[in-house]
Amino acid sequence: MISQLFILAPRGDTIVKKEFRFDVPKNTPETFFRAARFGTGRDDDEKAQAVFHEGGVNYMHVKASGLFVVATTRRNESPSLILELLHRVARVIKDYCGVLSEDALRKNAILVYELLDEMLDYGYAQSTNTESLKTRVHNEPVAVVLGTAPTHPQSSPIGANRKANTSSMQQHALSHTDTMVGQVLSSAMSALGTGSSNTKIRNLGTAHARVSADATQRSVLGTGASGSSSLNGATDRDEIFVDVVEKLNVTFSGAGHVIHQDIDGQIRVRNFLHGEPSIKIALCEDLVISGRPGGGGGGDYASCVLDDCNFHESADLTGFDADRVLSLTNVPRGEFSLMNYRSSCDFEPPFIVQTTFETNTPYQINCEIVVRAQFSAKMHCAGLTVKFPVPKSKNVIAATATVEKNAPPGSQHAVFHPVEKHVVWQLKKVTGGTTHVLRVSIATKDERVDSSSKKECGPVSLGFSVPQLNCSKLQVRYLQIGKTGPERKEKKKAANDGPHRWVRYVTKSNNFVARV
């Protein structure tokens, strides 16, 4: 099936590498990274292709938590099958390590290789079920503290002096940018775990509760008897997390009007319950799904309309069409996708983007980018990144970006990347109802700029994550957990004993662009 599986860091370092058939070159990680970043493995929008052929070897990869999970083969295998296998491998590793990161993989290298040995035999998939693998895995996960810098291997001293002078100026110029990027990414990655992302839902008891940012970052191996320790050193709580995650695809015209919009949503479950309880998740009664009956009589007045959806194999849909209740039996441990859905109904985008140009100044193009947050003032965006490409012609000399004068220190940062020819504007936190402005001045060689240079600008793309926001109006009415077994009846329940239930919402950008 596959000849090799390896996991690369964002900068190209090999973290995990497993050989199965020994029929491909040993330098495949370097070949993949070079082709994916600079060569044939890139498509028109400068992103690495999921499948490509290089040097007689087929490369297939998925990106999970910023890491490249790659499989290689010389055979003509099904790409969709291998990509699904890579997704499941990444999910299992995350379930057992608690978090999928470079530092976690390095600290749990023995556990990761043990999992790969059990999941794959001579390149053929054996089992990717988290629960069934627990009886075959004997290594314990190593705790990973969130927020600490990853441990990198020592680099070779050969050529260090030669590279020092060249890289020192680049590191000094990008130090502030890297700090800002780290803060934004850290805020966005923990958006699902912050206390502000809890939703007030009846019958859950979490109206005023708070959950720590690393509550879900623990291994399924710690889910067992009460009182055992988790990866984070806290008591292993009997709890379940249900996250409604939506990714938006929105395109604005040059005048600021919406041309196209749709939602790719997912109900994601992180199960840390003790025993094997039955679970019932009730969705909103006025939910209407194309091609399925029921929906509480919402009809034309339904507040939530979905074009299509699919469910996890553990979901019992017997009463779903009648009362919109999902019954779960044999719920798998760890993380899994309970429901995937797509909606193209009209909704209010969380951000409105407007751009204006001024070309009256000689040798200069002035552009003003206005970003307006349309969601409630009680919510905030955990990290907003705005990318504005400038013309790539030789007439453009440089570009300067100026943020708002009244912006608090450290809250915004804008920089021009001369190699990629784009301006990156980063905002650490954006409150709903606020408006932010960026002014970009592009220096040109020509005194008068023609219309072609203006057409080469843009489009403006946004990257964001907004907790508590739900654009499709898909709501969870209640979450019921049945009895976990006879052992719970015999045990005296403590005041803080579970099961604890958390339902959270978050909206992210997938392809959020505005034409200029």
Protein backbone atom coordinates (compact mmCIF):
# COMPACT_ATOMS: atom_id res chain seq x y z
CA MET A 1 0.00 0.00 0.00
CA ILE A 2 2.48 2.66 1.16
CA SER A 3 6.27 2.46 1.27
CA GLN A 4 6.98 5.11 3.85
CA LEU A 5 5.31 7.43 6.36
CA PHE A 6 6.92 10.49 7.90
CA ILE A 7 5.89 13.65 9.73
CA LEU A 8 7.63 16.96 9.07
CA ALA A 9 7.71 20.18 11.05
CA PRO A 10 6.59 23.42 9.31
CA ARG A 11 10.23 24.30 8.59
CA GLY A 12 11.01 20.85 7.11
CA ASP A 13 12.63 18.97 10.00
CA THR A 14 11.84 15.26 10.12
CA ILE A 15 10.11 14.41 13.41
CA VAL A 16 8.88 10.86 12.72
CA LYS A 17 9.93 8.52 9.89
CA LYS A 18 8.78 4.93 9.41
CA GLU A 19 10.02 2.68 6.59
CA PHE A 20 7.86 -0.23 5.41
CA ARG A 21 9.12 -1.50 2.04
CA PHE A 22 12.53 0.17 1.62
CA ASP A 23 11.86 0.73 -2.09
CA VAL A 24 12.05 4.54 -2.10
CA PRO A 25 15.10 6.81 -1.63
CA LYS A 26 16.08 7.82 1.88
CA ASN A 27 15.98 11.53 1.04
CA THR A 28 12.23 11.57 0.35
CA PRO A 29 11.50 14.00 3.25
CA GLU A 30 13.87 16.59 1.77
CA THR A 31 12.51 15.97 -1.73
CA PHE A 32 8.91 16.37 -0.53
CA PHE A 33 9.55 19.57 1.40
CA ARG A 34 11.51 21.15 -1.44
CA ALA A 35 8.84 20.22 -4.00
CA ALA A 36 5.95 21.25 -1.75
CA ARG A 37 7.45 24.64 -0.94
CA PHE A 38 9.25 25.61 -4.13
CA GLY A 39 8.85 23.02 -6.90
CA THR A 40 6.31 20.84 -8.69
CA GLY A 41 4.31 20.12 -5.57
CA ARG A 42 2.66 23.57 -5.58
CA ASP A 43 -0.55 24.65 -7.23
CA ASP A 44 -1.64 28.03 -8.56
CA ASP A 45 -2.53 29.55 -5.18
CA GLU A 46 0.93 28.71 -3.78
CA LYS A 47 -0.26 25.88 -1.53
CA ALA A 48 1.25 22.43 -1.39
CA GLN A 49 -0.68 19.90 -3.46
CA ALA A 50 -2.15 16.99 -1.54
CA VAL A 51 -0.92 14.51 -4.17
CA PHE A 52 1.96 14.88 -6.61
CA HIS A 53 4.62 12.81 -8.39
CA GLU A 54 8.31 13.53 -8.14
CA GLY A 55 11.28 11.38 -9.19
CA GLY A 56 9.28 8.19 -9.68
CA VAL A 57 7.67 8.43 -6.21
CA ASN A 58 4.05 9.36 -5.42
CA TYR A 59 3.74 11.78 -2.51
CA MET A 60 0.45 12.16 -0.60
CA HIS A 61 0.10 14.35 2.46
CA VAL A 62 -2.31 16.05 4.82
CA LYS A 63 -1.62 18.98 7.11
CA ALA A 64 -2.65 18.60 10.75
CA SER A 65 -1.92 21.26 13.39
CA GLY A 66 0.74 22.78 11.13
CA LEU A 67 2.58 19.47 10.63
CA PHE A 68 2.98 17.59 7.34
CA VAL A 69 1.85 13.95 7.57
CA VAL A 70 3.23 12.33 4.40
CA ALA A 71 3.01 8.90 2.78
CA THR A 72 5.08 7.75 -0.20
CA THR A 73 4.63 4.86 -2.61
CA ARG A 74 5.81 3.74 -6.03
CA ARG A 75 2.54 1.96 -6.76
CA ASN A 76 -0.61 3.39 -8.30
CA GLU A 77 -2.65 3.44 -5.08
CA SER A 78 -5.94 5.21 -4.42
CA PRO A 79 -5.12 8.76 -3.27
CA SER A 80 -8.40 9.19 -1.39
CA LEU A 81 -7.78 5.98 0.57
CA ILE A 82 -4.28 7.02 1.61
CA LEU A 83 -5.33 10.57 2.49
CA GLU A 84 -8.09 9.19 4.72
CA LEU A 85 -5.52 6.87 6.31
CA LEU A 86 -3.22 9.82 7.03
CA HIS A 87 -6.09 11.75 8.63
CA ARG A 88 -6.83 8.80 10.90
CA VAL A 89 -3.17 8.32 11.79
CA ALA A 90 -2.95 11.97 12.82
CA ARG A 91 -6.15 11.67 14.85
CA VAL A 92 -4.97 8.54 16.71
CA ILE A 93 -1.61 10.13 17.54
CA LYS A 94 -3.43 13.19 18.87
CA ASP A 95 -5.75 11.01 20.97
CA TYR A 96 -2.83 9.24 22.63
CA CYS A 97 -0.43 12.18 22.97
CA GLY A 98 -3.14 14.62 24.00
CA VAL A 99 -1.99 17.28 21.56
CA LEU A 100 -0.56 17.07 18.04
CA SER A 101 2.52 19.28 18.06
CA GLU A 102 6.21 19.04 17.33
CA ASP A 103 7.14 19.06 20.99
CA ALA A 104 4.58 16.35 21.83
CA LEU A 105 5.84 14.07 19.05
CA ARG A 106 9.46 14.43 20.11
CA LYS A 107 8.69 13.73 23.77
CA ASN A 108 6.43 10.78 22.89
CA ALA A 109 8.54 9.32 20.08
CA ILE A 110 8.46 5.78 21.50
CA LEU A 111 4.68 5.90 21.88
CA VAL A 112 4.24 7.26 18.34
CA TYR A 113 6.36 4.50 16.79
CA GLU A 114 4.49 1.90 18.81
CA LEU A 115 1.20 3.24 17.45
CA LEU A 116 2.52 3.17 13.88
CA ASP A 117 3.61 -0.45 14.33
CA GLU A 118 0.11 -1.39 15.46
CA MET A 119 -1.76 0.65 12.82
CA LEU A 120 0.35 -0.33 9.80
CA ASP A 121 1.96 -3.64 8.86
CA TYR A 122 4.27 -3.66 5.83
CA GLY A 123 2.50 -0.51 4.64
CA TYR A 124 -1.03 -1.96 4.93
CA ALA A 125 -3.58 -0.49 7.33
CA GLN A 126 -4.53 -2.78 10.21
CA SER A 127 -6.55 -0.76 12.73
CA THR A 128 -7.05 2.96 13.27
CA ASN A 129 -9.61 2.68 16.06
CA THR A 130 -8.50 4.48 19.20
CA GLU A 131 -10.29 2.17 21.61
CA SER A 132 -9.10 -1.11 20.07
CA LEU A 133 -5.47 0.05 20.13
CA LYS A 134 -5.52 0.64 23.90
CA THR A 135 -5.06 -3.06 24.61
CA ARG A 136 -1.93 -3.19 22.41
CA VAL A 137 -0.16 -0.01 23.53
CA HIS A 138 2.01 -0.29 26.63
CA ASN A 139 3.92 3.02 26.72
CA GLU A 140 2.65 5.94 28.77
CA PRO A 141 2.39 9.44 27.25
CA VAL A 142 4.75 12.18 28.42
CA ALA A 143 3.16 15.40 29.65
CA VAL A 144 3.43 18.43 27.35
CA VAL A 145 2.91 21.83 28.94
CA LEU A 146 1.13 24.26 26.64
CA GLY A 147 2.89 27.51 25.87
CA THR A 148 6.44 26.17 26.15
CA ALA A 149 8.86 26.40 23.27
CA PRO A 150 9.38 23.15 21.37
CA THR A 151 12.63 21.27 21.80
CA HIS A 152 14.57 21.29 18.55
CA PRO A 153 17.48 19.03 17.71
CA GLN A 154 20.92 20.57 17.67
CA SER A 155 21.88 21.83 14.24
CA SER A 156 25.16 20.92 12.62
CA PRO A 157 28.03 23.34 13.38
CA ILE A 158 29.30 23.00 9.81
CA GLY A 159 28.92 26.33 8.08
CA ALA A 160 27.52 27.98 11.21
CA ASN A 161 29.89 30.94 11.05
CA ARG A 162 29.18 31.41 7.37
CA LYS A 163 25.43 31.48 7.96
CA ALA A 164 25.57 33.62 11.11
CA ASN A 165 26.21 36.94 9.41
CA THR A 166 23.60 36.29 6.74
CA SER A 167 20.84 35.23 9.08
CA SER A 168 21.41 37.74 11.91
CA MET A 169 19.87 40.67 10.03
CA GLN A 170 16.91 38.54 8.91
CA GLN A 171 16.28 37.31 12.44
CA HIS A 172 16.41 40.86 13.81
CA ALA A 173 13.97 42.11 11.15
CA LEU A 174 11.52 39.25 11.66
CA SER A 175 11.78 38.91 15.43
CA HIS A 176 8.84 41.20 16.10
CA THR A 177 6.79 39.54 13.38
CA ASP A 178 7.46 36.03 14.72
CA THR A 179 6.45 37.13 18.22
CA MET A 180 3.19 38.55 16.92
CA VAL A 181 2.49 35.45 14.82
CA GLY A 182 3.08 33.20 17.82
CA GLN A 183 0.70 35.21 19.97
CA VAL A 184 -2.00 35.18 17.30
CA LEU A 185 -1.65 31.46 16.58
CA SER A 186 -1.61 30.61 20.29
CA SER A 187 -4.78 32.60 20.81
CA ALA A 188 -6.49 31.05 17.81
CA MET A 189 -5.50 27.47 18.67
CA SER A 190 -6.81 27.81 22.24
CA ALA A 191 -10.02 29.53 21.17
CA LEU A 192 -11.98 26.31 21.63
CA GLY A 193 -10.73 25.87 25.14
CA THR A 194 -11.07 29.33 26.65
CA GLY A 195 -13.66 30.06 29.24
CA SER A 196 -15.27 32.67 27.04
CA SER A 197 -16.22 29.98 24.55
CA ASN A 198 -18.65 28.27 26.93
CA THR A 199 -22.25 28.54 25.82
CA LYS A 200 -25.23 28.99 28.10
CA ILE A 201 -27.35 25.91 27.43
CA ARG A 202 -30.19 24.67 29.57
CA ASN A 203 -29.88 21.38 31.46
CA LEU A 204 -26.07 21.40 31.16
CA GLY A 205 -25.05 23.30 34.28
CA THR A 206 -22.31 25.25 32.45
CA ALA A 207 -24.01 28.63 32.27
CA HIS A 208 -21.37 30.27 34.49
CA ALA A 209 -18.72 27.54 34.39
CA ARG A 210 -15.26 27.93 32.93
CA VAL A 211 -12.95 25.40 31.36
CA SER A 212 -9.19 25.81 31.03
CA ALA A 213 -7.53 26.21 27.65
CA ASP A 214 -5.78 22.83 27.92
CA ALA A 215 -8.82 20.87 29.16
CA THR A 216 -9.03 18.80 25.98
CA GLN A 217 -5.26 18.46 25.52
CA ARG A 218 -4.88 15.13 27.28
CA SER A 219 -4.41 11.51 26.35
CA VAL A 220 -7.16 8.93 26.21
CA LEU A 221 -4.87 6.64 28.19
CA GLY A 222 -5.61 8.80 31.24
CA THR A 223 -9.36 8.13 30.91
CA GLY A 224 -9.96 5.32 33.31
CA ALA A 225 -10.52 4.98 36.98
CA SER A 226 -11.43 8.11 38.86
CA GLY A 227 -8.53 9.86 40.50
CA SER A 228 -5.89 8.93 37.96
CA SER A 229 -3.67 11.69 36.69
CA SER A 230 -3.97 13.22 33.27
CA LEU A 231 -1.24 14.71 31.12
CA ASN A 232 -1.65 18.11 32.72
CA GLY A 233 -1.27 16.84 36.25
CA ALA A 234 -4.91 17.38 37.19
CA THR A 235 -7.43 14.77 38.30
CA ASP A 236 -8.86 12.89 35.35
CA ARG A 237 -12.36 14.30 35.06
CA ASP A 238 -15.33 12.42 33.70
CA GLU A 239 -16.37 14.82 30.93
CA ILE A 240 -17.25 15.27 27.27
CA PHE A 241 -16.70 18.20 24.91
CA VAL A 242 -19.02 18.92 21.97
CA ASP A 243 -17.69 21.64 19.65
CA VAL A 244 -19.66 23.13 16.77
CA VAL A 245 -16.93 24.35 14.40
CA GLU A 246 -17.82 26.27 11.24
CA LYS A 247 -15.48 27.36 8.45
CA LEU A 248 -16.65 30.17 6.19
CA ASN A 249 -16.11 30.62 2.45
CA VAL A 250 -17.02 34.19 1.54
CA THR A 251 -16.16 36.32 -1.49
CA PHE A 252 -16.76 40.09 -1.60
CA SER A 253 -16.90 42.24 -4.72
CA GLY A 254 -14.84 45.37 -5.13
CA ALA A 255 -17.84 47.41 -3.91
CA GLY A 256 -18.07 45.38 -0.69
CA HIS A 257 -21.09 43.23 -1.64
CA VAL A 258 -21.21 39.48 -1.00
CA ILE A 259 -20.83 37.48 -4.23
CA HIS A 260 -20.62 33.98 -2.79
CA GLN A 261 -20.90 32.48 0.69
CA ASP A 262 -21.21 29.02 2.18
CA ILE A 263 -20.41 27.20 5.42
CA ASP A 264 -18.48 23.98 6.00
CA GLY A 265 -19.46 22.85 9.49
CA GLN A 266 -18.59 20.06 11.84
CA ILE A 267 -19.83 18.83 15.21
CA ARG A 268 -16.66 17.57 16.86
CA VAL A 269 -16.70 15.42 20.00
CA ARG A 270 -13.88 14.85 22.49
CA ASN A 271 -14.93 11.96 24.71
CA PHE A 272 -13.28 11.48 28.12
CA LEU A 273 -16.23 9.77 29.80
CA HIS A 274 -15.64 6.84 32.14
CA GLY A 275 -17.22 3.58 31.08
CA GLU A 276 -19.42 3.30 27.99
CA PRO A 277 -22.47 5.50 28.60
CA SER A 278 -25.20 6.23 26.09
CA ILE A 279 -25.34 9.81 24.81
CA LYS A 280 -28.17 11.84 23.31
CA ILE A 281 -27.50 15.12 21.51
CA ALA A 282 -30.55 17.17 20.50
CA LEU A 283 -30.18 19.77 17.75
CA CYS A 284 -32.50 22.73 17.13
CA GLU A 285 -36.06 21.74 16.29
CA ASP A 286 -36.37 24.05 13.27
CA LEU A 287 -33.43 22.38 11.51
CA VAL A 288 -34.17 21.61 7.85
CA ILE A 289 -31.87 19.35 5.81
CA SER A 290 -32.31 19.06 2.05
CA GLY A 291 -33.35 15.56 1.06
CA ARG A 292 -34.36 14.48 4.57
CA PRO A 293 -37.83 14.60 6.15
CA GLY A 294 -38.75 16.16 9.48
CA GLY A 295 -37.40 19.32 10.99
CA GLY A 296 -40.16 20.35 13.38
CA GLY A 297 -42.26 21.97 10.69
CA GLY A 298 -39.76 24.75 10.05
CA GLY A 299 -40.50 25.01 6.33
CA ASP A 300 -39.82 28.40 4.84
CA TYR A 301 -39.53 29.89 8.33
CA ALA A 302 -36.71 27.61 9.48
CA SER A 303 -33.77 29.47 11.01
CA CYS A 304 -31.25 26.74 10.13
CA VAL A 305 -31.14 25.19 6.65
CA LEU A 306 -28.46 22.70 5.61
CA ASP A 307 -27.73 21.55 2.07
CA ASP A 308 -26.18 18.23 3.02
CA CYS A 309 -24.77 16.34 5.99
CA ASN A 310 -23.29 13.00 7.06
CA PHE A 311 -22.90 11.34 10.44
CA HIS A 312 -20.44 9.18 12.35
CA GLU A 313 -20.99 5.44 12.32
CA SER A 314 -21.86 5.45 16.04
CA ALA A 315 -24.86 7.78 15.51
CA ASP A 316 -28.33 6.19 15.65
CA LEU A 317 -30.64 8.16 13.31
CA THR A 318 -33.84 6.36 14.23
CA GLY A 319 -35.46 9.39 15.85
CA PHE A 320 -33.45 12.11 14.14
CA ASP A 321 -35.95 12.94 11.39
CA ALA A 322 -38.79 13.19 13.93
CA ASP A 323 -37.30 15.13 16.85
CA ARG A 324 -33.72 15.96 15.73
CA VAL A 325 -32.10 13.82 18.44
CA LEU A 326 -28.87 11.90 17.82
CA SER A 327 -28.46 8.78 19.94
CA LEU A 328 -24.88 7.54 20.31
CA THR A 329 -23.98 3.98 21.21
CA ASN A 330 -20.47 2.53 21.54
CA VAL A 331 -19.05 6.03 21.55
CA PRO A 332 -15.33 5.96 20.67
CA ARG A 333 -12.81 7.52 23.01
CA GLY A 334 -10.87 10.59 22.05
CA GLU A 335 -11.79 12.93 19.21
CA PHE A 336 -14.14 12.15 16.34
CA SER A 337 -16.42 14.02 13.95
CA LEU A 338 -20.05 13.34 14.85
CA MET A 339 -21.59 15.33 12.00
CA ASN A 340 -20.30 17.12 8.91
CA TYR A 341 -22.60 19.55 7.17
CA ARG A 342 -22.65 22.18 4.45
CA SER A 343 -24.92 25.20 4.12
CA SER A 344 -25.22 27.84 1.40
CA CYS A 345 -28.04 29.84 2.98
CA ASP A 346 -27.68 33.59 3.47
CA PHE A 347 -25.92 34.68 6.64
CA GLU A 348 -24.25 37.79 7.93
CA PRO A 349 -20.46 37.58 7.51
CA PRO A 350 -18.53 38.32 10.70
CA PHE A 351 -16.34 40.84 8.87
CA ILE A 352 -16.90 43.38 6.10
CA VAL A 353 -13.87 44.42 4.03
CA GLN A 354 -13.67 47.58 1.91
CA THR A 355 -10.71 48.88 -0.09
CA THR A 356 -10.18 52.28 -1.70
CA PHE A 357 -7.33 53.45 -3.98
CA GLU A 358 -5.79 56.86 -4.58
CA THR A 359 -3.35 57.32 -7.50
CA ASN A 360 -3.03 61.11 -7.67
CA THR A 361 0.31 61.15 -5.84
CA PRO A 362 3.28 60.79 -8.26
CA TYR A 363 5.30 57.55 -8.02
CA GLN A 364 2.88 56.14 -5.48
CA ILE A 365 -0.27 54.03 -5.05
CA ASN A 366 -2.16 54.63 -1.83
CA CYS A 367 -4.61 52.01 -0.60
CA GLU A 368 -6.86 52.03 2.44
CA ILE A 369 -8.20 48.75 3.83
CA VAL A 370 -11.16 48.97 6.21
CA VAL A 371 -12.17 45.90 8.24
CA ARG A 372 -15.41 46.10 10.22
CA ALA A 373 -16.42 43.43 12.77
CA GLN A 374 -20.18 42.80 12.51
CA PHE A 375 -20.67 40.34 15.37
CA SER A 376 -21.82 41.19 18.88
CA ALA A 377 -19.71 43.42 21.11
CA LYS A 378 -19.76 40.64 23.73
CA MET A 379 -17.63 38.47 21.44
CA HIS A 380 -14.08 38.91 20.25
CA CYS A 381 -11.92 37.51 17.48
CA ALA A 382 -8.96 35.51 18.78
CA GLY A 383 -6.38 36.68 16.26
CA LEU A 384 -7.12 38.35 12.91
CA THR A 385 -4.66 38.17 10.00
CA VAL A 386 -5.17 40.26 6.85
CA LYS A 387 -3.04 39.61 3.77
CA PHE A 388 -2.89 42.16 0.94
CA PRO A 389 -0.85 41.25 -2.20
CA VAL A 390 0.80 44.15 -4.01
CA PRO A 391 1.68 44.21 -7.75
CA LYS A 392 4.49 41.79 -8.60
CA SER A 393 5.75 43.80 -11.56
CA LYS A 394 9.25 45.28 -11.60
CA ASN A 395 7.81 48.79 -11.43
CA VAL A 396 6.98 48.31 -7.75
CA ILE A 397 9.94 49.26 -5.55
CA ALA A 398 8.60 48.79 -2.04
CA ALA A 399 5.51 49.16 0.13
CA THR A 400 4.93 50.61 3.59
CA ALA A 401 1.98 49.84 5.87
CA THR A 402 0.68 52.14 8.61
CA VAL A 403 -1.71 51.00 11.32
CA GLU A 404 -4.11 53.18 13.29
CA LYS A 405 -2.55 55.87 15.45
CA ASN A 406 -4.88 55.21 18.37
CA ALA A 407 -4.15 51.47 18.43
CA PRO A 408 -2.80 50.22 21.81
CA PRO A 409 0.87 49.23 21.74
CA GLY A 410 1.36 45.61 20.73
CA SER A 411 -2.24 45.10 19.57
CA GLN A 412 -1.51 45.48 15.83
CA HIS A 413 1.41 44.92 13.54
CA ALA A 414 1.82 45.31 9.77
CA VAL A 415 4.85 44.35 7.68
CA PHE A 416 5.69 44.14 3.97
CA HIS A 417 7.33 40.94 2.71
CA PRO A 418 9.38 41.87 -0.38
CA VAL A 419 9.89 38.29 -1.54
CA GLU A 420 6.23 37.23 -1.49
CA LYS A 421 5.13 40.76 -2.47
CA HIS A 422 2.36 41.11 0.08
CA VAL A 423 1.54 43.05 3.23
CA VAL A 424 0.53 41.11 6.35
CA TRP A 425 -1.56 42.93 8.94
CA GLN A 426 -2.08 41.16 12.26
CA LEU A 427 -4.45 42.13 15.05
CA LYS A 428 -4.15 40.31 18.34
CA LYS A 429 -7.77 40.79 19.47
CA VAL A 430 -10.77 42.32 17.68
CA THR A 431 -13.94 43.14 19.61
CA GLY A 432 -17.29 42.95 17.88
CA GLY A 433 -18.65 46.18 16.43
CA THR A 434 -15.23 47.80 16.01
CA THR A 435 -13.63 49.14 12.81
CA HIS A 436 -9.94 49.00 11.95
CA VAL A 437 -8.06 50.75 9.14
CA LEU A 438 -4.74 49.98 7.45
CA ARG A 439 -3.09 52.37 4.99
CA VAL A 440 -0.64 50.95 2.44
CA SER A 441 1.65 53.11 0.29
CA ILE A 442 3.20 51.38 -2.73
CA ALA A 443 6.25 53.09 -4.29
CA THR A 444 6.57 52.70 -8.08
CA LYS A 445 9.11 53.67 -10.73
CA ASP A 446 6.50 55.31 -12.94
CA GLU A 447 5.28 58.79 -12.16
CA ARG A 448 1.75 57.98 -13.29
CA VAL A 449 0.29 54.60 -12.50
CA ASP A 450 -1.98 52.97 -15.06
CA SER A 451 -5.01 50.85 -14.30
CA SER A 452 -3.13 47.59 -14.83
CA SER A 453 -1.06 48.10 -11.67
CA LYS A 454 -4.22 48.57 -9.65
CA LYS A 455 -5.67 45.35 -11.05
CA GLU A 456 -2.61 43.44 -9.86
CA CYS A 457 -3.38 44.37 -6.24
CA GLY A 458 -5.31 41.99 -4.04
CA PRO A 459 -7.46 40.21 -3.34
CA VAL A 460 -7.53 40.83 0.40
CA SER A 461 -7.72 37.58 2.40
CA LEU A 462 -8.67 37.24 6.07
CA GLY A 463 -7.81 34.58 8.63
CA PHE A 464 -9.66 34.59 11.96
CA SER A 465 -11.28 32.54 14.72
CA VAL A 466 -14.32 33.84 16.63
CA PRO A 467 -15.50 31.84 19.69
CA GLN A 468 -19.23 31.77 20.55
CA LEU A 469 -20.18 32.77 16.99
CA ASN A 470 -22.46 30.45 15.01
CA CYS A 471 -23.39 31.69 11.52
CA SER A 472 -25.59 28.76 10.46
CA LYS A 473 -27.79 29.01 13.61
CA LEU A 474 -27.25 25.30 14.29
CA GLN A 475 -27.70 24.94 18.04
CA VAL A 476 -27.44 22.09 20.54
CA ARG A 477 -30.61 22.02 22.66
CA TYR A 478 -29.40 19.54 25.24
CA LEU A 479 -26.78 16.87 25.87
CA GLN A 480 -27.85 13.86 27.92
CA ILE A 481 -25.48 11.21 29.27
CA GLY A 482 -26.82 7.86 30.43
CA LYS A 483 -25.50 5.65 33.17
CA THR A 484 -21.89 4.61 32.72
CA GLY A 485 -22.27 1.20 34.34
CA PRO A 486 -22.90 -0.53 37.67
CA GLU A 487 -19.65 0.73 39.13
CA ARG A 488 -21.06 4.25 39.34
CA LYS A 489 -24.02 3.09 41.46
CA GLU A 490 -21.72 1.54 44.05
CA LYS A 491 -19.43 4.52 44.27
CA LYS A 492 -20.33 7.56 46.31
CA LYS A 493 -20.44 10.58 44.05
CA ALA A 494 -18.28 13.49 45.11
CA ALA A 495 -19.34 17.12 44.79
CA ASN A 496 -17.19 17.63 41.70
CA ASP A 497 -17.80 14.18 40.21
CA GLY A 498 -18.97 14.04 36.60
CA PRO A 499 -20.03 13.63 34.07
CA HIS A 500 -19.26 17.18 33.02
CA ARG A 501 -20.67 18.42 29.73
CA TRP A 502 -19.30 21.26 27.60
CA VAL A 503 -20.88 22.60 24.40
CA ARG A 504 -18.89 25.26 22.60
CA TYR A 505 -19.12 27.18 19.33
CA VAL A 506 -16.43 28.68 17.14
CA THR A 507 -16.37 30.18 13.63
CA LYS A 508 -13.21 30.22 11.54
CA SER A 509 -12.21 31.42 8.10
CA ASN A 510 -11.56 28.94 5.31
CA ASN A 511 -11.54 31.10 2.16
CA PHE A 512 -12.53 34.63 3.19
CA VAL A 513 -11.46 37.04 0.41
CA ALA A 514 -12.42 40.50 -0.84
CA ARG A 515 -11.74 41.68 -4.36
CA VAL A 516 -10.35 45.17 -4.87
